[in-house]
Each structure stands twice: as C-alpha cells, then as structure tokens.
Amino acid sequence: MADTSIERRAPAIPVVSPRELAPYAIFAGILLLVLVYFVGVEQGALSVVGGMGVHEFVHDARHLLGFPCH
C-alpha cells in the first residue's frame, strides 16, 4: 500500500509593518473627517458649499447620528 499522507500547512499570514500601513490609515482618517464634516457641520457657520443641497442630502444621517439641524 502506498503512503497517501499529505502534510498540509496553513498559508502564511503576511505581516504588515506600521510604516506600510500609514498612508492607508492617513487616507482613511482624512476621508472619515470629511464625511463627518459634511454630515455634521456643513450648512452652518463654516459652510463650504452654498445652498441647501448638502443639508437635504444628509438630513436623515444627521438625525440618525444625533446631530442637531433644526
């Protein structure tokens, strides 16, 4: 009878250094800050976009996240 045992190894998990991860973390952080700005602050004293378009687009998200808008 032939030996049919096969040694199975788990795939290696890649190790990512903080230096390699930093650009992605910075990009994600800036993106989240812009998102929080538009949902929570836009149409106030620091308005960047004129009109009520952004306010109406994110109105329900403001209420969901607890930001006052009325």
Protein backbone atom coordinates (compact mmCIF):
# COMPACT_ATOMS: atom_id res chain seq x y z
CA MET A 1 0.00 0.00 0.00
CA ALA A 2 1.32 3.46 -0.94
CA ASP A 3 1.78 6.21 1.59
CA THR A 4 -1.08 8.69 0.96
CA SER A 5 -0.46 11.02 3.89
CA ILE A 6 -0.08 14.60 2.76
CA GLU A 7 1.44 17.19 5.01
CA ARG A 8 -0.78 20.26 4.94
CA ARG A 9 0.47 23.63 6.02
CA ALA A 10 -1.58 26.72 6.75
CA PRO A 11 -0.90 29.59 4.38
CA ALA A 12 1.50 32.17 5.73
CA ILE A 13 -0.12 35.30 7.13
CA PRO A 14 1.50 38.41 5.67
CA VAL A 15 2.94 40.80 8.23
CA VAL A 16 2.29 44.47 7.51
CA SER A 17 4.52 47.00 9.20
CA PRO A 18 3.05 50.25 10.55
CA ARG A 19 5.20 52.16 8.05
CA GLU A 20 3.50 50.35 5.14
CA LEU A 21 0.06 50.82 6.70
CA ALA A 22 0.46 54.53 7.49
CA PRO A 23 -0.55 56.00 4.08
CA TYR A 24 -3.76 53.96 4.03
CA ALA A 25 -4.59 54.89 7.63
CA ILE A 26 -3.99 58.60 6.93
CA PHE A 27 -6.16 58.46 3.79
CA ALA A 28 -8.97 56.68 5.66
CA GLY A 29 -8.73 59.20 8.53
CA ILE A 30 -8.98 62.19 6.20
CA LEU A 31 -11.88 60.59 4.34
CA LEU A 32 -13.74 59.98 7.61
CA LEU A 33 -13.12 63.55 8.78
CA VAL A 34 -14.53 64.92 5.52
CA LEU A 35 -17.56 62.64 5.87
CA VAL A 36 -18.19 63.75 9.47
CA TYR A 37 -17.81 67.38 8.37
CA PHE A 38 -20.40 67.10 5.63
CA VAL A 39 -22.85 65.15 7.78
CA GLY A 40 -22.44 67.16 10.96
CA VAL A 41 -21.24 70.68 10.22
CA GLU A 42 -21.98 71.68 6.62
CA GLN A 43 -24.67 74.38 6.25
CA GLY A 44 -23.59 76.01 9.47
CA ALA A 45 -21.18 78.83 10.25
CA LEU A 46 -18.36 77.02 8.42
CA SER A 47 -20.30 76.22 5.26
CA VAL A 48 -18.18 75.42 2.21
CA VAL A 49 -21.00 74.65 -0.24
CA GLY A 50 -23.73 77.25 -0.64
CA GLY A 51 -27.42 76.42 -0.70
CA MET A 52 -29.40 73.65 0.95
CA GLY A 53 -28.38 70.74 -1.32
CA VAL A 54 -25.89 69.13 1.04
CA HIS A 55 -28.20 69.67 4.02
CA GLU A 56 -31.10 67.93 2.30
CA PHE A 57 -28.87 65.09 1.07
CA VAL A 58 -27.51 64.23 4.56
CA HIS A 59 -30.54 65.31 6.60
CA ASP A 60 -31.59 61.83 7.74
CA ALA A 61 -28.00 60.86 8.52
CA ARG A 62 -27.74 63.89 10.81
CA HIS A 63 -30.75 62.77 12.80
CA LEU A 64 -29.51 59.17 12.88
CA LEU A 65 -26.13 60.25 14.28
CA GLY A 66 -27.63 62.73 16.75
CA PHE A 67 -26.52 65.97 15.11
CA PRO A 68 -29.00 68.82 15.57
CA CYS A 69 -30.04 70.56 12.37
CA HIS A 70 -33.27 72.42 13.14
